[in-house]
N, C-alpha and C. Protein backbone atom coordinates (compact mmCIF):
# COMPACT_ATOMS: atom_id res chain seq x y z
N MET A 1 67.64 5.31 -29.09
CA MET A 1 68.71 4.34 -28.53
C MET A 1 67.83 3.61 -27.44
N SER A 2 68.25 2.26 -27.34
CA SER A 2 67.38 1.34 -26.40
C SER A 2 68.49 0.68 -25.70
N SER A 3 68.24 0.24 -24.49
CA SER A 3 69.10 -0.38 -23.62
C SER A 3 68.76 -1.81 -23.17
N SER A 4 69.29 -2.76 -22.92
CA SER A 4 69.11 -4.15 -22.97
C SER A 4 68.98 -4.30 -21.24
N GLY A 5 68.28 -5.46 -20.93
CA GLY A 5 68.29 -5.88 -19.57
C GLY A 5 66.78 -5.49 -19.04
N PHE A 6 66.56 -5.80 -17.74
CA PHE A 6 65.29 -5.61 -17.13
C PHE A 6 64.67 -4.10 -17.41
N GLN A 7 63.58 -3.88 -17.98
CA GLN A 7 62.74 -2.63 -17.76
C GLN A 7 61.54 -2.91 -17.36
N GLY A 8 61.07 -2.21 -16.29
CA GLY A 8 59.65 -2.42 -15.79
C GLY A 8 59.68 -1.80 -14.46
N ASP A 9 58.43 -2.12 -13.77
CA ASP A 9 58.18 -1.65 -12.44
C ASP A 9 58.63 -2.71 -11.40
N ILE A 10 58.52 -2.21 -10.09
CA ILE A 10 59.00 -3.25 -9.00
C ILE A 10 58.24 -4.46 -8.89
N LEU A 11 56.81 -4.30 -9.41
CA LEU A 11 56.07 -5.63 -9.35
C LEU A 11 56.58 -6.50 -10.32
N SER A 12 56.99 -6.12 -11.61
CA SER A 12 57.45 -7.03 -12.54
C SER A 12 59.10 -7.59 -12.13
N LEU A 13 59.61 -6.84 -11.52
CA LEU A 13 60.92 -7.33 -10.98
C LEU A 13 60.66 -8.37 -9.89
N ILE A 14 59.60 -8.28 -9.04
CA ILE A 14 59.26 -9.31 -8.07
C ILE A 14 58.80 -10.66 -8.74
N LEU A 15 57.97 -10.65 -9.81
CA LEU A 15 57.46 -11.43 -10.53
C LEU A 15 58.47 -12.36 -11.27
N HIS A 16 59.46 -11.72 -11.66
CA HIS A 16 60.68 -12.28 -12.44
C HIS A 16 61.78 -12.66 -11.48
N SER A 17 61.68 -12.58 -10.34
CA SER A 17 62.63 -13.07 -9.23
C SER A 17 62.67 -14.61 -9.05
N GLY A 18 63.56 -15.09 -8.52
CA GLY A 18 63.47 -16.57 -8.29
C GLY A 18 62.65 -16.93 -7.20
N PRO A 19 62.43 -18.30 -7.06
CA PRO A 19 61.27 -18.74 -6.10
C PRO A 19 61.86 -18.46 -4.55
N MET A 20 62.89 -18.29 -4.24
CA MET A 20 63.34 -18.04 -3.01
C MET A 20 63.27 -16.58 -2.68
N ALA A 21 63.54 -15.71 -3.57
CA ALA A 21 63.37 -14.36 -3.18
C ALA A 21 61.80 -14.03 -3.17
N GLN A 22 60.92 -14.61 -3.97
CA GLN A 22 59.66 -14.43 -3.77
C GLN A 22 59.04 -14.88 -2.60
N PHE A 23 59.79 -15.95 -2.17
CA PHE A 23 59.16 -16.59 -0.85
C PHE A 23 59.48 -15.61 0.29
N VAL A 24 60.85 -15.08 0.30
CA VAL A 24 61.16 -14.17 1.40
C VAL A 24 60.28 -12.82 1.04
N ILE A 25 59.99 -12.38 0.11
CA ILE A 25 59.20 -10.94 -0.19
C ILE A 25 57.67 -11.32 0.29
N PHE A 26 57.20 -12.48 0.15
CA PHE A 26 55.91 -12.90 0.61
C PHE A 26 55.86 -12.92 2.24
N VAL A 27 56.95 -13.39 2.78
CA VAL A 27 57.06 -13.46 4.24
C VAL A 27 57.04 -11.89 4.70
N LEU A 28 57.89 -11.39 3.97
CA LEU A 28 58.08 -9.78 4.67
C LEU A 28 56.70 -9.12 4.35
N MET A 29 56.14 -9.24 3.30
CA MET A 29 54.77 -8.53 3.07
C MET A 29 53.70 -8.99 4.16
N GLY A 30 53.80 -10.34 4.59
CA GLY A 30 53.05 -10.84 5.59
C GLY A 30 53.04 -10.02 7.05
N PHE A 31 54.37 -9.93 7.35
CA PHE A 31 54.89 -9.23 8.64
C PHE A 31 54.47 -7.72 8.52
N SER A 32 54.59 -7.17 7.26
CA SER A 32 54.17 -5.75 7.10
C SER A 32 52.67 -5.57 7.18
N ALA A 33 51.80 -6.41 6.51
CA ALA A 33 50.53 -6.24 6.61
C ALA A 33 50.05 -6.44 8.05
N VAL A 34 50.49 -7.49 8.72
CA VAL A 34 50.02 -7.61 10.16
C VAL A 34 50.40 -6.37 11.08
N SER A 35 51.65 -5.94 10.64
CA SER A 35 52.19 -4.76 11.64
C SER A 35 51.27 -3.56 11.55
N TRP A 36 50.89 -3.35 10.17
CA TRP A 36 50.09 -2.17 9.77
C TRP A 36 48.66 -2.40 10.36
N GLY A 37 48.23 -3.57 10.31
CA GLY A 37 46.81 -3.63 10.93
C GLY A 37 47.05 -3.52 12.41
N ILE A 38 48.05 -4.08 13.21
CA ILE A 38 48.17 -3.84 14.62
C ILE A 38 48.24 -2.29 14.83
N MET A 39 49.03 -1.57 14.11
CA MET A 39 49.17 -0.03 14.45
C MET A 39 47.91 0.63 14.24
N VAL A 40 47.28 0.34 13.35
CA VAL A 40 45.87 0.97 13.18
C VAL A 40 44.86 0.59 14.32
N GLU A 41 44.73 -0.69 14.68
CA GLU A 41 44.00 -1.09 15.59
C GLU A 41 44.35 -0.59 17.07
N ARG A 42 45.78 -0.60 17.39
CA ARG A 42 46.28 -0.10 18.72
C ARG A 42 45.98 1.58 18.63
N TRP A 43 46.20 2.15 17.55
CA TRP A 43 45.96 3.60 17.57
C TRP A 43 44.55 3.96 17.93
N ARG A 44 43.50 3.17 17.48
CA ARG A 44 42.10 3.34 17.74
C ARG A 44 41.92 3.16 19.21
N VAL A 45 42.45 1.92 19.56
CA VAL A 45 42.23 1.62 21.06
C VAL A 45 42.88 2.44 22.06
N ILE A 46 44.17 2.94 21.85
CA ILE A 46 44.83 3.77 22.70
C ILE A 46 44.21 5.14 22.60
N SER A 47 43.71 5.61 21.34
CA SER A 47 43.48 7.07 21.40
C SER A 47 41.95 7.11 22.17
N ARG A 48 41.11 5.94 21.99
CA ARG A 48 39.77 6.01 22.59
C ARG A 48 40.01 5.89 24.23
N SER A 49 40.84 4.99 24.65
CA SER A 49 41.25 4.78 26.00
C SER A 49 41.69 6.19 26.64
N ASP A 50 42.57 6.70 25.83
CA ASP A 50 43.22 8.18 26.41
C ASP A 50 42.24 9.12 26.43
N ASN A 51 41.27 9.28 25.51
CA ASN A 51 40.43 10.36 25.54
C ASN A 51 39.23 10.09 26.64
N GLU A 52 38.88 8.76 26.81
CA GLU A 52 37.79 8.63 27.77
C GLU A 52 38.37 8.80 29.28
N SER A 53 39.70 8.45 29.22
CA SER A 53 40.45 8.69 30.75
C SER A 53 40.45 10.02 31.22
N ALA A 54 40.87 10.82 30.08
CA ALA A 54 40.83 12.27 30.25
C ALA A 54 39.66 12.84 30.71
N ALA A 55 38.47 12.38 30.26
CA ALA A 55 37.22 12.78 30.41
C ALA A 55 36.67 12.40 31.89
N PHE A 56 37.23 11.28 32.10
CA PHE A 56 36.77 10.62 33.53
C PHE A 56 37.56 11.35 34.62
N LEU A 57 38.97 11.48 34.38
CA LEU A 57 39.83 12.24 35.23
C LEU A 57 39.33 13.71 35.58
N ALA A 58 38.84 14.31 34.52
CA ALA A 58 38.30 15.71 34.83
C ALA A 58 37.04 15.58 35.73
N LYS A 59 36.17 14.58 35.67
CA LYS A 59 35.23 14.36 36.49
C LYS A 59 35.55 14.14 38.01
N PHE A 60 36.70 13.26 38.02
CA PHE A 60 37.18 12.79 39.20
C PHE A 60 37.69 13.99 40.10
N ARG A 61 38.44 14.97 39.43
CA ARG A 61 39.28 15.90 39.74
C ARG A 61 38.22 17.15 40.04
N ALA A 62 37.08 17.10 39.70
CA ALA A 62 35.97 18.09 39.84
C ALA A 62 35.58 18.23 41.26
N GLY A 63 35.95 17.16 42.13
CA GLY A 63 35.55 17.37 43.60
C GLY A 63 34.34 16.37 43.88
N SER A 64 34.01 15.39 42.92
CA SER A 64 32.86 14.41 43.19
C SER A 64 33.45 13.40 44.26
N SER A 65 32.44 13.04 45.04
CA SER A 65 32.88 11.77 45.98
C SER A 65 33.12 10.61 45.29
N LEU A 66 33.54 9.64 45.81
CA LEU A 66 33.93 8.43 45.31
C LEU A 66 32.59 7.82 44.96
N GLY A 67 31.60 7.85 45.82
CA GLY A 67 30.10 7.20 45.47
C GLY A 67 29.59 7.95 44.46
N ASP A 68 29.65 9.21 44.19
CA ASP A 68 28.99 9.90 43.18
C ASP A 68 29.63 9.41 41.81
N LEU A 69 30.83 8.94 41.69
CA LEU A 69 31.56 8.69 40.49
C LEU A 69 31.11 7.43 39.91
N ARG A 70 30.46 6.42 40.73
CA ARG A 70 30.02 5.20 40.22
C ARG A 70 29.21 5.05 39.01
N ASP A 71 28.33 5.93 38.97
CA ASP A 71 27.46 6.00 37.78
C ASP A 71 28.38 6.71 36.52
N VAL A 72 29.16 7.66 36.98
CA VAL A 72 30.05 8.22 35.87
C VAL A 72 30.80 7.39 35.23
N ALA A 73 31.58 6.49 36.05
CA ALA A 73 32.44 5.57 35.42
C ALA A 73 31.93 4.60 34.47
N GLU A 74 30.66 4.28 34.59
CA GLU A 74 30.00 3.35 33.79
C GLU A 74 29.89 4.05 32.37
N LYS A 75 29.86 5.38 32.35
CA LYS A 75 29.97 5.98 30.97
C LYS A 75 31.20 5.92 30.21
N PHE A 76 32.13 5.51 30.94
CA PHE A 76 33.57 5.33 30.34
C PHE A 76 34.01 3.97 30.06
N PRO A 77 33.38 2.93 29.49
CA PRO A 77 33.81 1.38 29.31
C PRO A 77 35.11 1.28 28.87
N HIS A 78 35.80 2.20 28.11
CA HIS A 78 37.16 2.02 27.63
C HIS A 78 38.27 2.72 28.37
N SER A 79 37.88 3.40 29.39
CA SER A 79 38.75 4.29 30.09
C SER A 79 39.57 3.41 31.15
N PRO A 80 40.94 3.37 31.21
CA PRO A 80 41.73 2.71 32.21
C PRO A 80 41.35 3.22 33.42
N ALA A 81 41.32 4.66 33.58
CA ALA A 81 41.18 5.08 34.83
C ALA A 81 39.80 4.79 35.47
N ALA A 82 38.95 4.68 34.65
CA ALA A 82 37.46 4.37 35.14
C ALA A 82 37.57 2.88 35.59
N ALA A 83 38.15 2.08 34.83
CA ALA A 83 38.22 0.65 35.29
C ALA A 83 39.07 0.50 36.45
N ILE A 84 40.17 1.15 36.91
CA ILE A 84 40.82 1.18 38.13
C ILE A 84 39.90 1.81 39.25
N TYR A 85 39.00 2.83 39.03
CA TYR A 85 38.27 3.36 40.01
C TYR A 85 37.14 2.17 40.38
N ARG A 86 36.49 1.65 39.43
CA ARG A 86 35.58 0.48 39.58
C ARG A 86 36.29 -0.70 40.47
N ALA A 87 37.37 -0.98 40.27
CA ALA A 87 38.16 -2.10 40.89
C ALA A 87 38.28 -1.60 42.38
N GLY A 88 38.77 -0.36 42.62
CA GLY A 88 39.10 0.21 43.97
C GLY A 88 37.58 0.37 44.69
N PHE A 89 36.73 1.03 44.10
CA PHE A 89 35.35 1.22 44.81
C PHE A 89 34.81 -0.06 45.04
N ARG A 90 34.74 -1.17 44.34
CA ARG A 90 34.38 -2.49 44.85
C ARG A 90 35.01 -2.84 45.87
N GLN A 91 36.31 -2.67 46.04
CA GLN A 91 37.02 -3.22 47.23
C GLN A 91 36.63 -2.63 48.53
N ILE A 92 36.35 -1.13 48.28
CA ILE A 92 35.84 -0.46 49.37
C ILE A 92 34.48 -0.83 50.01
N THR A 93 33.54 -1.09 48.88
CA THR A 93 32.24 -1.48 49.29
C THR A 93 31.96 -3.11 49.52
N VAL A 94 33.09 -3.84 49.63
CA VAL A 94 32.79 -5.22 49.88
C VAL A 94 31.95 -5.37 50.91
N VAL A 95 32.31 -4.82 52.06
CA VAL A 95 31.44 -4.95 53.30
C VAL A 95 30.89 -3.58 53.75
N GLY A 96 31.07 -2.54 52.86
CA GLY A 96 30.54 -1.24 53.37
C GLY A 96 31.62 -0.54 53.82
N ILE A 97 31.63 0.78 53.30
CA ILE A 97 32.68 1.71 53.92
C ILE A 97 32.85 1.85 55.24
N PRO A 98 31.71 2.05 56.17
CA PRO A 98 32.10 2.14 57.53
C PRO A 98 32.60 0.92 58.30
N LYS A 99 32.34 -0.37 57.63
CA LYS A 99 32.92 -1.47 58.21
C LYS A 99 34.37 -1.78 57.90
N VAL A 100 34.77 -1.19 56.81
CA VAL A 100 36.26 -1.46 56.33
C VAL A 100 37.30 -1.53 57.38
N ALA A 101 37.36 0.04 57.93
CA ALA A 101 38.42 -0.04 59.03
C ALA A 101 38.12 -0.75 60.14
N ALA A 102 36.92 -1.07 60.59
CA ALA A 102 36.72 -2.00 61.75
C ALA A 102 37.24 -3.44 61.43
N ALA A 103 36.79 -3.98 60.34
CA ALA A 103 36.98 -5.20 59.68
C ALA A 103 38.67 -5.25 59.63
N ALA A 104 39.52 -4.28 59.43
CA ALA A 104 40.76 -4.36 59.33
C ALA A 104 41.59 -4.62 60.42
N GLY A 105 40.98 -4.32 61.62
CA GLY A 105 41.52 -4.57 62.88
C GLY A 105 42.61 -3.66 63.37
N PRO A 106 43.36 -3.68 64.36
CA PRO A 106 44.30 -2.88 64.74
C PRO A 106 45.65 -2.95 64.08
N THR A 107 45.94 -4.11 63.55
CA THR A 107 47.31 -4.41 62.77
C THR A 107 47.10 -4.53 61.35
N ARG A 108 45.89 -4.22 60.77
CA ARG A 108 45.62 -4.17 59.23
C ARG A 108 45.21 -3.07 58.72
N ASP A 109 45.62 -2.46 57.67
CA ASP A 109 45.54 -1.30 56.99
C ASP A 109 44.58 -1.49 55.91
N PRO A 110 43.34 -1.01 55.82
CA PRO A 110 42.46 -1.18 54.83
C PRO A 110 42.97 -0.51 53.36
N ILE A 111 43.70 0.61 53.74
CA ILE A 111 44.25 1.27 52.44
C ILE A 111 45.27 0.24 51.74
N ALA A 112 45.86 -0.43 52.41
CA ALA A 112 47.04 -1.27 51.78
C ALA A 112 46.34 -2.31 50.89
N SER A 113 45.06 -2.88 51.25
CA SER A 113 44.47 -3.76 50.47
C SER A 113 43.86 -3.21 49.23
N ILE A 114 43.33 -1.87 49.43
CA ILE A 114 42.72 -1.08 48.23
C ILE A 114 43.90 -0.72 47.30
N GLU A 115 45.01 -0.51 47.90
CA GLU A 115 46.22 -0.10 47.01
C GLU A 115 46.57 -1.30 46.08
N ARG A 116 46.64 -2.61 46.85
CA ARG A 116 47.09 -3.70 45.94
C ARG A 116 45.91 -3.95 44.88
N VAL A 117 44.72 -3.86 45.08
CA VAL A 117 43.65 -3.93 44.05
C VAL A 117 43.85 -2.73 43.01
N LEU A 118 43.99 -1.64 43.30
CA LEU A 118 44.25 -0.53 42.24
C LEU A 118 45.46 -0.83 41.47
N LEU A 119 46.79 -1.41 42.13
CA LEU A 119 47.71 -1.60 41.41
C LEU A 119 47.56 -2.84 40.55
N ARG A 120 47.00 -3.71 40.86
CA ARG A 120 46.54 -4.95 40.12
C ARG A 120 45.64 -4.33 38.86
N ALA A 121 44.66 -3.56 39.00
CA ALA A 121 43.87 -3.25 37.90
C ALA A 121 44.64 -2.18 37.02
N ALA A 122 45.54 -1.52 37.62
CA ALA A 122 46.47 -0.58 36.66
C ALA A 122 47.33 -1.56 35.70
N ALA A 123 47.89 -2.48 36.42
CA ALA A 123 48.53 -3.53 35.52
C ALA A 123 48.10 -4.29 34.46
N GLU A 124 46.73 -4.54 34.80
CA GLU A 124 45.93 -5.09 33.78
C GLU A 124 45.58 -4.15 32.78
N GLU A 125 45.21 -2.98 33.01
CA GLU A 125 44.89 -1.94 31.90
C GLU A 125 46.20 -1.82 30.91
N GLN A 126 47.40 -1.73 31.76
CA GLN A 126 48.46 -1.53 31.03
C GLN A 126 48.73 -2.45 30.04
N ALA A 127 48.48 -3.87 30.56
CA ALA A 127 48.70 -5.00 29.56
C ALA A 127 47.87 -4.86 28.46
N ARG A 128 46.69 -4.48 28.71
CA ARG A 128 45.54 -4.38 27.56
C ARG A 128 45.98 -3.37 26.61
N LEU A 129 46.54 -2.26 27.03
CA LEU A 129 47.10 -1.36 25.88
C LEU A 129 48.24 -1.71 25.25
N GLU A 130 48.96 -2.53 25.81
CA GLU A 130 50.34 -3.11 25.18
C GLU A 130 50.11 -4.21 24.33
N ARG A 131 48.91 -4.84 24.30
CA ARG A 131 48.46 -5.96 23.67
C ARG A 131 49.04 -5.98 22.11
N SER A 132 49.48 -7.07 21.53
CA SER A 132 50.17 -6.92 20.33
C SER A 132 51.33 -6.20 19.79
N LEU A 133 51.69 -5.27 20.91
CA LEU A 133 52.86 -4.48 20.61
C LEU A 133 54.12 -5.42 20.45
N PRO A 134 54.50 -6.52 21.24
CA PRO A 134 55.55 -7.36 20.96
C PRO A 134 55.68 -7.73 19.56
N PHE A 135 54.56 -7.90 18.80
CA PHE A 135 54.76 -8.39 17.29
C PHE A 135 55.42 -7.22 16.61
N LEU A 136 55.14 -5.85 16.91
CA LEU A 136 55.85 -4.80 16.29
C LEU A 136 57.23 -4.88 16.51
N ALA A 137 57.60 -5.15 17.87
CA ALA A 137 59.04 -5.29 18.20
C ALA A 137 59.73 -6.44 17.34
N THR A 138 59.06 -7.59 17.24
CA THR A 138 59.43 -8.72 16.45
C THR A 138 59.79 -8.32 15.11
N THR A 139 58.92 -7.84 14.41
CA THR A 139 58.86 -7.18 12.99
C THR A 139 60.04 -6.47 12.78
N ALA A 140 60.19 -5.39 13.80
CA ALA A 140 61.42 -4.38 13.54
C ALA A 140 62.69 -5.08 13.86
N ALA A 141 62.81 -6.07 14.58
CA ALA A 141 64.12 -6.81 14.69
C ALA A 141 64.22 -7.87 13.69
N ALA A 142 63.39 -8.54 13.28
CA ALA A 142 63.74 -9.72 12.49
C ALA A 142 63.60 -9.45 10.94
N CYS A 143 62.63 -8.70 10.54
CA CYS A 143 62.61 -8.31 9.04
C CYS A 143 63.82 -7.91 8.29
N PRO A 144 64.63 -7.03 9.01
CA PRO A 144 65.96 -6.87 8.39
C PRO A 144 66.97 -8.06 8.02
N PHE A 145 66.91 -8.94 9.02
CA PHE A 145 67.48 -10.16 8.80
C PHE A 145 66.91 -11.10 7.84
N VAL A 146 65.51 -11.19 7.65
CA VAL A 146 64.97 -11.81 6.66
C VAL A 146 65.35 -11.36 5.49
N GLY A 147 65.09 -10.03 5.33
CA GLY A 147 65.54 -9.39 3.91
C GLY A 147 67.11 -9.64 3.73
N LEU A 148 68.02 -9.69 4.66
CA LEU A 148 69.34 -10.08 4.42
C LEU A 148 69.66 -11.47 4.01
N PHE A 149 68.75 -12.42 4.48
CA PHE A 149 68.86 -13.69 4.07
C PHE A 149 68.58 -13.79 2.49
N GLY A 150 67.54 -12.98 2.04
CA GLY A 150 67.22 -12.95 0.62
C GLY A 150 68.41 -12.21 -0.18
N THR A 151 68.98 -11.22 0.44
CA THR A 151 70.26 -10.54 -0.14
C THR A 151 71.41 -11.48 -0.27
N VAL A 152 71.60 -12.30 0.72
CA VAL A 152 72.76 -13.35 0.54
C VAL A 152 72.37 -14.43 -0.57
N TRP A 153 71.07 -14.76 -0.45
CA TRP A 153 70.72 -15.79 -1.44
C TRP A 153 70.82 -15.17 -2.92
N GLY A 154 70.35 -13.92 -3.14
CA GLY A 154 70.69 -13.30 -4.56
C GLY A 154 72.06 -13.15 -4.84
N ILE A 155 72.91 -12.90 -3.93
CA ILE A 155 74.45 -12.82 -4.24
C ILE A 155 74.86 -14.17 -4.53
N MET A 156 74.52 -15.31 -4.01
CA MET A 156 74.88 -16.78 -4.13
C MET A 156 74.40 -17.04 -5.54
N THR A 157 73.12 -16.61 -6.08
CA THR A 157 72.52 -16.85 -7.24
C THR A 157 73.45 -16.15 -8.27
N ALA A 158 73.91 -15.04 -8.12
CA ALA A 158 74.73 -14.22 -9.03
C ALA A 158 76.14 -14.94 -9.27
N PHE A 159 76.65 -15.34 -8.13
CA PHE A 159 78.05 -16.08 -8.27
C PHE A 159 77.81 -17.46 -9.18
N HIS A 160 76.66 -18.08 -8.64
CA HIS A 160 76.45 -19.35 -9.38
C HIS A 160 76.21 -19.08 -10.88
N ALA A 161 75.68 -18.02 -11.24
CA ALA A 161 75.37 -17.75 -12.55
C ALA A 161 76.67 -17.34 -13.38
N ILE A 162 77.61 -16.70 -12.59
CA ILE A 162 79.03 -16.36 -13.12
C ILE A 162 79.77 -17.73 -13.40
N GLY A 163 79.69 -18.68 -12.48
CA GLY A 163 80.37 -19.84 -12.44
C GLY A 163 79.88 -20.61 -13.75
N ALA A 164 78.62 -20.69 -14.04
CA ALA A 164 78.02 -21.57 -14.85
C ALA A 164 78.21 -20.79 -16.34
N MET A 165 78.19 -19.57 -16.41
CA MET A 165 78.36 -18.89 -17.78
C MET A 165 79.80 -18.55 -17.99
N GLY A 166 80.82 -18.58 -16.98
CA GLY A 166 82.18 -18.25 -17.15
C GLY A 166 82.39 -16.92 -17.50
N THR A 167 81.53 -16.09 -17.24
CA THR A 167 81.81 -14.61 -17.47
C THR A 167 81.22 -13.79 -16.33
N ALA A 168 81.60 -12.51 -16.19
CA ALA A 168 81.09 -11.88 -14.93
C ALA A 168 80.44 -10.55 -15.68
N ASN A 169 79.91 -10.46 -16.82
CA ASN A 169 79.27 -9.43 -17.24
C ASN A 169 77.92 -9.07 -16.62
N LEU A 170 77.40 -7.89 -16.79
CA LEU A 170 76.27 -7.32 -16.32
C LEU A 170 74.98 -8.02 -16.47
N ALA A 171 74.85 -8.60 -17.74
CA ALA A 171 73.65 -9.42 -18.02
C ALA A 171 73.66 -10.63 -17.17
N VAL A 172 74.77 -11.30 -16.68
CA VAL A 172 74.88 -12.43 -15.94
C VAL A 172 74.51 -12.36 -14.55
N VAL A 173 75.15 -11.18 -13.93
CA VAL A 173 75.12 -11.02 -12.55
C VAL A 173 73.91 -10.04 -12.25
N ALA A 174 73.16 -9.34 -13.06
CA ALA A 174 72.11 -8.45 -12.87
C ALA A 174 70.89 -9.12 -11.98
N PRO A 175 70.32 -10.22 -12.57
CA PRO A 175 69.11 -10.93 -12.13
C PRO A 175 69.50 -11.21 -10.65
N GLY A 176 70.49 -11.75 -10.12
CA GLY A 176 70.80 -12.10 -8.87
C GLY A 176 70.93 -10.82 -7.94
N ILE A 177 71.66 -9.92 -8.49
CA ILE A 177 71.82 -8.69 -7.66
C ILE A 177 70.42 -7.96 -7.43
N SER A 178 69.56 -7.89 -8.46
CA SER A 178 68.29 -7.42 -8.38
C SER A 178 67.39 -8.10 -7.16
N GLU A 179 67.46 -9.35 -7.27
CA GLU A 179 66.79 -10.23 -6.18
C GLU A 179 67.22 -9.78 -4.81
N ALA A 180 68.55 -9.59 -4.67
CA ALA A 180 69.28 -9.09 -3.37
C ALA A 180 68.68 -7.67 -2.98
N LEU A 181 68.68 -6.84 -4.03
CA LEU A 181 68.19 -5.57 -3.69
C LEU A 181 66.58 -5.44 -3.29
N VAL A 182 65.92 -6.19 -4.02
CA VAL A 182 64.56 -6.07 -3.82
C VAL A 182 64.30 -6.88 -2.22
N THR A 183 64.89 -7.75 -1.82
CA THR A 183 64.57 -8.34 -0.55
C THR A 183 65.20 -7.51 0.29
N THR A 184 66.28 -6.61 0.27
CA THR A 184 66.76 -5.81 1.20
C THR A 184 65.76 -4.65 1.56
N ALA A 185 65.28 -4.10 0.39
CA ALA A 185 64.40 -3.02 0.44
C ALA A 185 63.12 -3.40 1.09
N ALA A 186 62.58 -4.84 0.80
CA ALA A 186 61.20 -5.30 1.35
C ALA A 186 61.54 -5.50 2.87
N GLY A 187 62.61 -5.87 3.37
CA GLY A 187 62.99 -5.99 4.77
C GLY A 187 62.89 -4.79 5.41
N LEU A 188 63.51 -3.84 5.01
CA LEU A 188 63.52 -2.41 5.49
C LEU A 188 62.17 -1.78 5.38
N ALA A 189 61.38 -1.86 4.44
CA ALA A 189 60.06 -1.46 4.24
C ALA A 189 59.27 -1.87 5.28
N ALA A 190 59.35 -3.28 5.73
CA ALA A 190 58.49 -3.75 6.78
C ALA A 190 59.01 -3.31 8.09
N ALA A 191 60.46 -3.31 8.41
CA ALA A 191 60.87 -2.89 9.80
C ALA A 191 60.79 -1.61 10.14
N ILE A 192 61.11 -0.53 9.18
CA ILE A 192 61.04 0.86 9.60
C ILE A 192 59.68 1.30 10.17
N PRO A 193 58.54 1.13 9.39
CA PRO A 193 57.44 1.54 9.92
C PRO A 193 57.08 0.70 11.44
N ALA A 194 57.51 -0.39 11.54
CA ALA A 194 57.06 -1.09 12.85
C ALA A 194 57.79 -0.56 13.96
N VAL A 195 59.25 -0.22 13.75
CA VAL A 195 59.92 0.24 14.84
C VAL A 195 59.28 1.43 15.20
N ILE A 196 59.12 2.40 14.25
CA ILE A 196 58.45 3.58 14.37
C ILE A 196 57.17 3.55 15.45
N GLY A 197 56.24 2.68 14.82
CA GLY A 197 55.08 2.55 15.50
C GLY A 197 55.18 2.12 16.87
N TYR A 198 56.02 1.12 17.16
CA TYR A 198 56.30 0.59 18.24
C TYR A 198 56.73 1.53 19.24
N ASN A 199 57.70 2.40 18.87
CA ASN A 199 58.28 3.40 19.87
C ASN A 199 57.17 4.44 20.18
N TYR A 200 56.38 4.76 18.94
CA TYR A 200 55.34 5.77 19.31
C TYR A 200 54.38 5.28 20.34
N PHE A 201 53.72 3.99 20.25
CA PHE A 201 52.87 3.44 21.23
C PHE A 201 53.49 3.27 22.48
N VAL A 202 54.68 2.77 22.60
CA VAL A 202 55.33 2.74 24.07
C VAL A 202 55.39 3.88 24.67
N ASN A 203 55.82 4.96 24.01
CA ASN A 203 55.89 6.18 24.72
C ASN A 203 54.47 6.85 24.99
N ARG A 204 53.41 6.45 24.23
CA ARG A 204 52.39 7.06 24.43
C ARG A 204 51.60 6.31 25.80
N ILE A 205 51.88 5.12 25.69
CA ILE A 205 51.32 4.20 26.87
C ILE A 205 52.00 4.45 28.22
N ARG A 206 53.39 4.77 28.12
CA ARG A 206 54.13 5.21 29.15
C ARG A 206 53.54 6.58 29.83
N SER A 207 53.07 7.36 28.92
CA SER A 207 52.56 8.67 29.50
C SER A 207 51.16 8.41 30.11
N ILE A 208 50.44 7.55 29.41
CA ILE A 208 49.12 7.03 30.05
C ILE A 208 49.23 6.51 31.39
N GLY A 209 50.35 5.61 31.51
CA GLY A 209 50.75 4.86 32.79
C GLY A 209 51.16 5.79 33.88
N THR A 210 51.75 6.96 33.50
CA THR A 210 52.15 8.04 34.56
C THR A 210 50.69 8.67 35.09
N ARG A 211 49.98 9.07 34.18
CA ARG A 211 48.74 9.50 34.60
C ARG A 211 47.79 8.57 35.55
N LEU A 212 47.90 7.22 35.17
CA LEU A 212 47.24 6.32 35.95
C LEU A 212 47.90 6.24 37.51
N ASP A 213 49.25 6.26 37.55
CA ASP A 213 49.98 6.25 38.86
C ASP A 213 49.57 7.35 39.64
N ASN A 214 49.27 8.61 39.21
CA ASN A 214 49.04 9.68 39.88
C ASN A 214 47.45 9.40 40.36
N PHE A 215 46.71 9.00 39.42
CA PHE A 215 45.27 8.70 39.70
C PHE A 215 45.07 7.67 40.85
N VAL A 216 45.86 6.64 40.91
CA VAL A 216 45.93 5.67 41.94
C VAL A 216 46.34 6.41 43.30
N ALA A 217 47.18 7.28 43.31
CA ALA A 217 47.58 8.05 44.47
C ALA A 217 46.40 8.96 45.10
N ASP A 218 45.81 9.64 44.01
CA ASP A 218 44.67 10.59 44.31
C ASP A 218 43.54 9.80 44.87
N PHE A 219 43.32 8.52 44.31
CA PHE A 219 42.24 7.79 44.69
C PHE A 219 42.46 7.25 46.03
N LEU A 220 43.61 6.86 46.31
CA LEU A 220 43.91 6.28 47.82
C LEU A 220 43.72 7.57 48.69
N THR A 221 44.14 8.62 48.47
CA THR A 221 44.02 9.87 49.44
C THR A 221 42.58 10.19 49.64
N ARG A 222 41.77 10.02 48.65
CA ARG A 222 40.31 10.29 48.76
C ARG A 222 39.81 9.10 49.54
N ALA A 223 40.09 8.05 49.26
CA ALA A 223 39.60 6.62 49.97
C ALA A 223 39.96 6.81 51.44
N GLU A 224 40.96 7.18 51.92
CA GLU A 224 41.41 7.36 53.20
C GLU A 224 40.42 8.30 53.97
N LYS A 225 40.28 9.39 53.29
CA LYS A 225 39.49 10.40 53.92
C LYS A 225 37.86 9.78 53.98
N THR A 226 37.53 9.09 52.96
CA THR A 226 36.18 8.45 53.01
C THR A 226 36.07 7.39 54.08
N ILE A 227 37.02 6.52 54.32
CA ILE A 227 36.99 5.32 55.28
C ILE A 227 37.11 6.05 56.78
N TYR A 228 38.15 6.92 57.01
CA TYR A 228 38.30 7.33 58.37
C TYR A 228 37.50 8.52 58.65
N SER A 229 36.64 9.15 57.76
CA SER A 229 36.11 10.54 58.09
C SER A 229 34.83 10.06 59.02
């Protein structure tokens, strides 16, 4: 016994789809490919930054002085915590530690200027880790609608075929419905990994940001002791 109609794999179904469906699928494949590339690249960057920050923070909390950590920080070029340390230590040593408090005068707090430098460095590191993540959010939000556009177009094609043939049997409507289903599936296939990846990276960066905030507070405490001791 044999059945009529389309028989084949998904690739054959795409190749036998109309030009608009193929265009929609091509756009969605582009979004998906870029999204996966971003997720792989961000995973490598964030993992490396997180590991190096953990190692540097262990050195910092071991009790070393701020001056002793200068050479240690250079060994962790990808660590956000090390980058924040370098920015803060440069601010302390602009005119030399003993002169910072004197240069501040009676109405200026040198710790406040150091804090501003630390917070700016932390914001820059946060932005570095978040780079390209907006594209994942765009993919997650837009691709289902792009797929929906292909769905609507496929339904329109099916109804046009019904009107042209004057009948509504399965052989007439199946090609248009197939196009609609393929574009819907492609839209979801592009959007679902993107939204999962975006939420994963945002939560991981938020966790790193919390540790950096704690590091800034610890650095300020140690800097205050260094300056006023």
